[in-house]
Every structure is written in C-alpha cells, then in structure tokens.
PDB file of N, CA and C in Angstrom:
ATOM      1  N   MET A   1     -63.039 108.920  83.819  1.00  0.00           N
ATOM      2  CA  MET A   1     -62.525 107.687  83.200  1.00  0.00           C
ATOM      3  C   MET A   1     -63.034 107.296  81.652  1.00  0.00           C
ATOM      4  N   GLY A   2     -62.281 106.993  80.892  1.00  0.00           N
ATOM      5  CA  GLY A   2     -62.858 106.661  79.261  1.00  0.00           C
ATOM      6  C   GLY A   2     -63.669 105.622  79.106  1.00  0.00           C
ATOM      7  N   VAL A   3     -64.082 105.570  77.947  1.00  0.00           N
ATOM      8  CA  VAL A   3     -65.272 104.609  77.691  1.00  0.00           C
ATOM      9  C   VAL A   3     -64.205 103.316  77.440  1.00  0.00           C
ATOM     10  N   VAL A   4     -64.694 102.119  77.919  1.00  0.00           N
ATOM     11  CA  VAL A   4     -63.917 100.960  77.533  1.00  0.00           C
ATOM     12  C   VAL A   4     -64.789 100.341  76.172  1.00  0.00           C
ATOM     13  N   GLN A   5     -63.986  99.935  75.299  1.00  0.00           N
ATOM     14  CA  GLN A   5     -64.754  99.365  73.884  1.00  0.00           C
ATOM     15  C   GLN A   5     -64.223  97.881  74.083  1.00  0.00           C
ATOM     16  N   ARG A   6     -65.017  96.962  73.651  1.00  0.00           N
ATOM     17  CA  ARG A   6     -64.691  95.737  73.755  1.00  0.00           C
ATOM     18  C   ARG A   6     -64.988  95.019  72.156  1.00  0.00           C
ATOM     19  N   LYS A   7     -64.155  94.258  71.672  1.00  0.00           N
ATOM     20  CA  LYS A   7     -64.530  93.553  70.434  1.00  0.00           C
ATOM     21  C   LYS A   7     -64.495  92.170  70.562  1.00  0.00           C
ATOM     22  N   GLU A   8     -65.512  91.387  70.356  1.00  0.00           N
ATOM     23  CA  GLU A   8     -65.512  89.911  70.310  1.00  0.00           C
ATOM     24  C   GLU A   8     -65.894  89.261  69.047  1.00  0.00           C
ATOM     25  N   LEU A   9     -65.362  87.915  68.987  1.00  0.00           N
ATOM     26  CA  LEU A   9     -65.606  87.232  67.667  1.00  0.00           C
ATOM     27  C   LEU A   9     -66.275  86.036  68.467  1.00  0.00           C
ATOM     28  N   GLN A  10     -67.203  85.607  67.573  1.00  0.00           N
ATOM     29  CA  GLN A  10     -68.152  84.501  67.811  1.00  0.00           C
ATOM     30  C   GLN A  10     -67.940  83.287  66.829  1.00  0.00           C
ATOM     31  N   ILE A  11     -68.044  82.023  67.292  1.00  0.00           N
ATOM     32  CA  ILE A  11     -67.922  81.086  66.442  1.00  0.00           C
ATOM     33  C   ILE A  11     -69.399  80.643  65.934  1.00  0.00           C
ATOM     34  N   ILE A  12     -69.596  81.027  64.606  1.00  0.00           N
ATOM     35  CA  ILE A  12     -70.907  80.917  64.106  1.00  0.00           C
ATOM     36  C   ILE A  12     -71.054  79.723  63.310  1.00  0.00           C
ATOM     37  N   GLY A  13     -70.498  78.917  63.220  1.00  0.00           N
ATOM     38  CA  GLY A  13     -70.528  77.596  62.304  1.00  0.00           C
ATOM     39  C   GLY A  13     -69.409  76.505  62.404  1.00  0.00           C
ATOM     40  N   SER A  14     -69.544  75.457  62.216  1.00  0.00           N
ATOM     41  CA  SER A  14     -68.556  74.541  62.132  1.00  0.00           C
ATOM     42  C   SER A  14     -68.487  73.514  60.970  1.00  0.00           C
ATOM     43  N   SER A  15     -67.550  72.580  60.828  1.00  0.00           N
ATOM     44  CA  SER A  15     -67.801  71.824  59.624  1.00  0.00           C
ATOM     45  C   SER A  15     -68.694  70.730  59.678  1.00  0.00           C
ATOM     46  N   ASP A  16     -69.641  70.709  60.521  1.00  0.00           N
ATOM     47  CA  ASP A  16     -70.808  69.668  60.537  1.00  0.00           C
ATOM     48  C   ASP A  16     -72.013  70.062  59.708  1.00  0.00           C
ATOM     49  N   GLY A  17     -71.783  70.954  58.446  1.00  0.00           N
ATOM     50  CA  GLY A  17     -73.128  71.293  57.424  1.00  0.00           C
ATOM     51  C   GLY A  17     -73.388  72.649  57.562  1.00  0.00           C
ATOM     52  N   TYR A  18     -72.497  73.507  58.142  1.00  0.00           N
ATOM     53  CA  TYR A  18     -72.841  74.702  58.174  1.00  0.00           C
ATOM     54  C   TYR A  18     -72.830  75.355  56.846  1.00  0.00           C
ATOM     55  N   ASP A  19     -73.684  76.466  56.220  1.00  0.00           N
ATOM     56  CA  ASP A  19     -73.770  76.818  54.989  1.00  0.00           C
ATOM     57  C   ASP A  19     -72.535  77.742  54.873  1.00  0.00           C
ATOM     58  N   TYR A  20     -71.405  77.213  54.337  1.00  0.00           N
ATOM     59  CA  TYR A  20     -70.178  78.393  54.129  1.00  0.00           C
ATOM     60  C   TYR A  20     -70.535  79.314  53.061  1.00  0.00           C
ATOM     61  N   GLN A  21     -71.206  79.223  51.913  1.00  0.00           N
ATOM     62  CA  GLN A  21     -71.596  80.144  51.209  1.00  0.00           C
ATOM     63  C   GLN A  21     -72.310  81.227  51.581  1.00  0.00           C
ATOM     64  N   LYS A  22     -73.324  81.039  52.587  1.00  0.00           N
ATOM     65  CA  LYS A  22     -74.198  81.867  53.200  1.00  0.00           C
ATOM     66  C   LYS A  22     -73.289  82.642  54.086  1.00  0.00           C
ATOM     67  N   HIS A  23     -72.378  81.868  54.729  1.00  0.00           N
ATOM     68  CA  HIS A  23     -71.333  82.493  55.618  1.00  0.00           C
ATOM     69  C   HIS A  23     -70.349  83.673  54.740  1.00  0.00           C
ATOM     70  N   ALA A  24     -69.932  83.129  53.982  1.00  0.00           N
ATOM     71  CA  ALA A  24     -69.231  84.020  52.830  1.00  0.00           C
ATOM     72  C   ALA A  24     -69.794  85.291  52.379  1.00  0.00           C
ATOM     73  N   ASP A  25     -71.164  85.171  52.021  1.00  0.00           N
ATOM     74  CA  ASP A  25     -71.933  86.404  51.742  1.00  0.00           C
ATOM     75  C   ASP A  25     -72.042  87.035  52.827  1.00  0.00           C
ATOM     76  N   TRP A  26     -72.203  86.819  53.920  1.00  0.00           N
ATOM     77  CA  TRP A  26     -72.373  87.616  55.021  1.00  0.00           C
ATOM     78  C   TRP A  26     -71.049  88.316  55.441  1.00  0.00           C
ATOM     79  N   PHE A  27     -69.878  87.473  55.518  1.00  0.00           N
ATOM     80  CA  PHE A  27     -68.929  88.021  55.569  1.00  0.00           C
ATOM     81  C   PHE A  27     -68.278  89.249  54.794  1.00  0.00           C
ATOM     82  N   PHE A  28     -68.485  88.827  53.469  1.00  0.00           N
ATOM     83  CA  PHE A  28     -68.176  89.921  52.621  1.00  0.00           C
ATOM     84  C   PHE A  28     -68.736  91.215  52.570  1.00  0.00           C
ATOM     85  N   ASN A  29     -69.972  91.040  52.949  1.00  0.00           N
ATOM     86  CA  ASN A  29     -70.880  91.963  53.257  1.00  0.00           C
ATOM     87  C   ASN A  29     -70.539  93.038  54.411  1.00  0.00           C
ATOM     88  N   GLN A  30     -70.000  92.337  55.649  1.00  0.00           N
ATOM     89  CA  GLN A  30     -69.391  93.008  56.644  1.00  0.00           C
ATOM     90  C   GLN A  30     -68.098  93.639  56.325  1.00  0.00           C
ATOM     91  N   ILE A  31     -67.232  93.266  55.432  1.00  0.00           N
ATOM     92  CA  ILE A  31     -66.031  93.539  55.032  1.00  0.00           C
ATOM     93  C   ILE A  31     -66.368  95.213  54.442  1.00  0.00           C
ATOM     94  N   GLU A  32     -67.527  95.189  53.708  1.00  0.00           N
ATOM     95  CA  GLU A  32     -67.680  96.725  53.171  1.00  0.00           C
ATOM     96  C   GLU A  32     -67.957  97.666  54.148  1.00  0.00           C
ATOM     97  N   ARG A  33     -68.665  97.124  55.375  1.00  0.00           N
ATOM     98  CA  ARG A  33     -69.162  98.189  56.396  1.00  0.00           C
ATOM     99  C   ARG A  33     -68.188  98.168  57.579  1.00  0.00           C
ATOM    100  N   THR A  34     -67.184  97.381  57.612  1.00  0.00           N
ATOM    101  CA  THR A  34     -66.209  97.066  58.741  1.00  0.00           C
ATOM    102  C   THR A  34     -64.744  97.067  57.987  1.00  0.00           C
ATOM    103  N   PRO A  35     -63.944  98.226  57.735  1.00  0.00           N
ATOM    104  CA  PRO A  35     -62.995  98.168  56.886  1.00  0.00           C
ATOM    105  C   PRO A  35     -61.759  97.351  57.721  1.00  0.00           C
ATOM    106  N   TRP A  36     -61.852  97.305  59.017  1.00  0.00           N
ATOM    107  CA  TRP A  36     -60.855  96.632  59.856  1.00  0.00           C
ATOM    108  C   TRP A  36     -60.871  95.209  59.970  1.00  0.00           C
ATOM    109  N   ILE A  37     -61.828  94.766  59.364  1.00  0.00           N
ATOM    110  CA  ILE A  37     -62.342  93.143  59.519  1.00  0.00           C
ATOM    111  C   ILE A  37     -60.956  92.627  58.765  1.00  0.00           C
ATOM    112  N   GLU A  38     -60.425  93.222  57.532  1.00  0.00           N
ATOM    113  CA  GLU A  38     -59.472  92.315  56.894  1.00  0.00           C
ATOM    114  C   GLU A  38     -58.144  92.217  57.682  1.00  0.00           C
ATOM    115  N   GLU A  39     -58.139  93.023  58.809  1.00  0.00           N
ATOM    116  CA  GLU A  39     -56.840  93.292  59.476  1.00  0.00           C
ATOM    117  C   GLU A  39     -56.539  91.795  60.316  1.00  0.00           C
ATOM    118  N   ILE A  40     -57.795  90.935  60.325  1.00  0.00           N
ATOM    119  CA  ILE A  40     -57.619  89.695  61.310  1.00  0.00           C
ATOM    120  C   ILE A  40     -56.716  88.539  60.436  1.00  0.00           C
ATOM    121  N   PHE A  41     -56.516  88.960  59.113  1.00  0.00           N
ATOM    122  CA  PHE A  41     -55.860  87.846  58.324  1.00  0.00           C
ATOM    123  C   PHE A  41     -54.173  88.194  58.336  1.00  0.00           C
ATOM    124  N   GLN A  42     -53.294  87.336  58.680  1.00  0.00           N
ATOM    125  CA  GLN A  42     -51.888  87.798  58.621  1.00  0.00           C
ATOM    126  C   GLN A  42     -51.362  87.344  57.254  1.00  0.00           C
ATOM    127  N   TYR A  43     -52.174  86.702  56.426  1.00  0.00           N
ATOM    128  CA  TYR A  43     -51.666  86.191  55.319  1.00  0.00           C
ATOM    129  C   TYR A  43     -52.718  85.886  54.076  1.00  0.00           C
ATOM    130  N   GLU A  44     -52.520  86.382  52.946  1.00  0.00           N
ATOM    131  CA  GLU A  44     -53.459  86.309  51.778  1.00  0.00           C
ATOM    132  C   GLU A  44     -52.895  85.472  50.728  1.00  0.00           C
ATOM    133  N   ILE A  45     -53.754  84.496  50.212  1.00  0.00           N
ATOM    134  CA  ILE A  45     -53.232  83.968  49.059  1.00  0.00           C
ATOM    135  C   ILE A  45     -54.431  83.720  47.871  1.00  0.00           C
ATOM    136  N   HIS A  46     -54.175  83.479  46.687  1.00  0.00           N
ATOM    137  CA  HIS A  46     -55.041  82.951  45.914  1.00  0.00           C
ATOM    138  C   HIS A  46     -55.335  81.472  46.122  1.00  0.00           C
ATOM    139  N   TYR A  47     -56.529  81.080  45.648  1.00  0.00           N
ATOM    140  CA  TYR A  47     -56.799  79.748  45.816  1.00  0.00           C
ATOM    141  C   TYR A  47     -55.828  78.573  45.089  1.00  0.00           C
ATOM    142  N   THR A  48     -55.226  79.155  44.094  1.00  0.00           N
ATOM    143  CA  THR A  48     -54.380  78.296  43.312  1.00  0.00           C
ATOM    144  C   THR A  48     -53.193  78.058  44.004  1.00  0.00           C
ATOM    145  N   ALA A  49     -52.966  78.856  45.096  1.00  0.00           N
ATOM    146  CA  ALA A  49     -51.655  78.637  45.754  1.00  0.00           C
ATOM    147  C   ALA A  49     -52.038  77.776  47.096  1.00  0.00           C
ATOM    148  N   LEU A  50     -52.953  77.105  47.555  1.00  0.00           N
ATOM    149  CA  LEU A  50     -53.337  76.545  48.436  1.00  0.00           C
ATOM    150  C   LEU A  50     -52.241  75.475  48.921  1.00  0.00           C
ATOM    151  N   GLU A  51     -51.948  74.425  47.922  1.00  0.00           N
ATOM    152  CA  GLU A  51     -51.184  73.396  48.104  1.00  0.00           C
ATOM    153  C   GLU A  51     -49.760  74.024  48.766  1.00  0.00           C
ATOM    154  N   LYS A  52     -49.005  75.180  47.802  1.00  0.00           N
ATOM    155  CA  LYS A  52     -47.857  75.710  48.238  1.00  0.00           C
ATOM    156  C   LYS A  52     -47.882  76.332  49.916  1.00  0.00           C
ATOM    157  N   CYS A  53     -49.213  76.996  50.066  1.00  0.00           N
ATOM    158  CA  CYS A  53     -49.501  77.471  51.361  1.00  0.00           C
ATOM    159  C   CYS A  53     -49.515  76.467  52.567  1.00  0.00           C
ATOM    160  N   PHE A  54     -50.040  75.394  52.128  1.00  0.00           N
ATOM    161  CA  PHE A  54     -50.131  74.275  53.461  1.00  0.00           C
ATOM    162  C   PHE A  54     -48.611  73.778  53.336  1.00  0.00           C
ATOM    163  N   GLU A  55     -47.810  73.510  52.307  1.00  0.00           N
ATOM    164  CA  GLU A  55     -46.508  73.206  52.340  1.00  0.00           C
ATOM    165  C   GLU A  55     -45.529  73.954  53.346  1.00  0.00           C
ATOM    166  N   GLU A  56     -45.733  75.420  52.938  1.00  0.00           N
ATOM    167  CA  GLU A  56     -44.855  76.226  53.880  1.00  0.00           C
ATOM    168  C   GLU A  56     -45.412  76.259  55.135  1.00  0.00           C
ATOM    169  N   LEU A  57     -46.807  76.120  55.364  1.00  0.00           N
ATOM    170  CA  LEU A  57     -47.262  76.121  56.899  1.00  0.00           C
ATOM    171  C   LEU A  57     -46.690  74.847  57.568  1.00  0.00           C
ATOM    172  N   SER A  58     -46.587  73.733  56.898  1.00  0.00           N
ATOM    173  CA  SER A  58     -45.916  72.704  57.466  1.00  0.00           C
ATOM    174  C   SER A  58     -44.472  72.625  57.664  1.00  0.00           C
ATOM    175  N   GLU A  59     -43.755  73.086  56.966  1.00  0.00           N
ATOM    176  CA  GLU A  59     -42.533  73.230  57.116  1.00  0.00           C
ATOM    177  C   GLU A  59     -42.201  74.626  57.989  1.00  0.00           C
ATOM    178  N   GLY A  60     -43.027  75.399  58.443  1.00  0.00           N
ATOM    179  CA  GLY A  60     -42.619  76.435  59.403  1.00  0.00           C
ATOM    180  C   GLY A  60     -42.109  77.751  58.755  1.00  0.00           C
ATOM    181  N   ILE A  61     -42.216  77.804  57.173  1.00  0.00           N
ATOM    182  CA  ILE A  61     -41.799  78.661  56.611  1.00  0.00           C
ATOM    183  C   ILE A  61     -42.546  79.992  56.884  1.00  0.00           C
ATOM    184  N   ILE A  62     -43.744  79.954  56.776  1.00  0.00           N
ATOM    185  CA  ILE A  62     -44.888  81.041  57.098  1.00  0.00           C
ATOM    186  C   ILE A  62     -45.630  80.407  58.446  1.00  0.00           C
ATOM    187  N   THR A  63     -46.310  81.329  59.167  1.00  0.00           N
ATOM    188  CA  THR A  63     -46.707  81.131  60.484  1.00  0.00           C
ATOM    189  C   THR A  63     -47.843  81.861  60.889  1.00  0.00           C
ATOM    190  N   PRO A  64     -48.799  82.252  59.767  1.00  0.00           N
ATOM    191  CA  PRO A  64     -49.952  82.793  60.252  1.00  0.00           C
ATOM    192  C   PRO A  64     -50.962  82.221  60.889  1.00  0.00           C
ATOM    193  N   LEU A  65     -51.692  82.928  61.892  1.00  0.00           N
ATOM    194  CA  LEU A  65     -53.001  82.159  62.378  1.00  0.00           C
ATOM    195  C   LEU A  65     -54.215  82.173  61.637  1.00  0.00           C
ATOM    196  N   LYS A  66     -54.375  83.291  60.658  1.00  0.00           N
ATOM    197  CA  LYS A  66     -55.637  83.218  59.835  1.00  0.00           C
ATOM    198  C   LYS A  66     -54.948  83.679  58.378  1.00  0.00           C
ATOM    199  N   VAL A  67     -55.416  82.859  57.246  1.00  0.00           N
ATOM    200  CA  VAL A  67     -55.094  82.833  56.170  1.00  0.00           C
ATOM    201  C   VAL A  67     -56.410  83.215  55.364  1.00  0.00           C
ATOM    202  N   PHE A  68     -56.206  84.335  54.649  1.00  0.00           N
ATOM    203  CA  PHE A  68     -57.539  84.781  53.578  1.00  0.00           C
ATOM    204  C   PHE A  68     -57.265  84.104  52.209  1.00  0.00           C
ATOM    205  N   VAL A  69     -57.985  83.324  51.738  1.00  0.00           N
ATOM    206  CA  VAL A  69     -58.007  82.896  50.435  1.00  0.00           C
ATOM    207  C   VAL A  69     -59.097  83.629  49.345  1.00  0.00           C
ATOM    208  N   SER A  70     -58.373  84.146  48.343  1.00  0.00           N
ATOM    209  CA  SER A  70     -59.117  84.777  47.470  1.00  0.00           C
ATOM    210  C   SER A  70     -59.610  83.834  46.373  1.00  0.00           C
ATOM    211  N   TYR A  71     -60.820  83.792  45.928  1.00  0.00           N
ATOM    212  CA  TYR A  71     -61.365  82.873  44.840  1.00  0.00           C
ATOM    213  C   TYR A  71     -61.799  83.810  43.740  1.00  0.00           C
ATOM    214  N   GLU A  72     -61.340  84.847  43.305  1.00  0.00           N
ATOM    215  CA  GLU A  72     -61.428  85.926  42.366  1.00  0.00           C
ATOM    216  C   GLU A  72     -60.335  85.649  41.369  1.00  0.00           C
TER     217      GLU A  72
END
C-alpha cells in the first residue's frame, strides 16, 4: 500500500488585530520554498484593480475562491 500524503491549511489569524505585514512576510518566504503554494489562487490582480475586481465578483463575472493581490 502506498504512502498517504495529507495537506492541511490552518487559520493563523483573523481581522481582530492580526499582524498582516508579519503574515505577508512569512507567506512570501514560504512561496520561495513551496512553489505549489501559488496554485491556491484562482485569480491574480494588481492592487489598482481592486474596485473592478469587487464589481466583477458582485456581478458574477468572475467567481474565484481565492484572489491574489499584487502590491508590486
């Protein structure tokens, strides 16, 4: 019988004061060591397109579960 591998996502913070900059630093460090982590995002935008993204989400034009927002 083969080896069973499991992947698990954990909630590490919420909007009640979590240090999002610290989380972002951790997350982008993980990307460098875990190339598949970017695959969890179904849609990628630049921060300047946030308003349009929300409009398209509300109108059902796009339906991603996870959106990656680039600030570069």
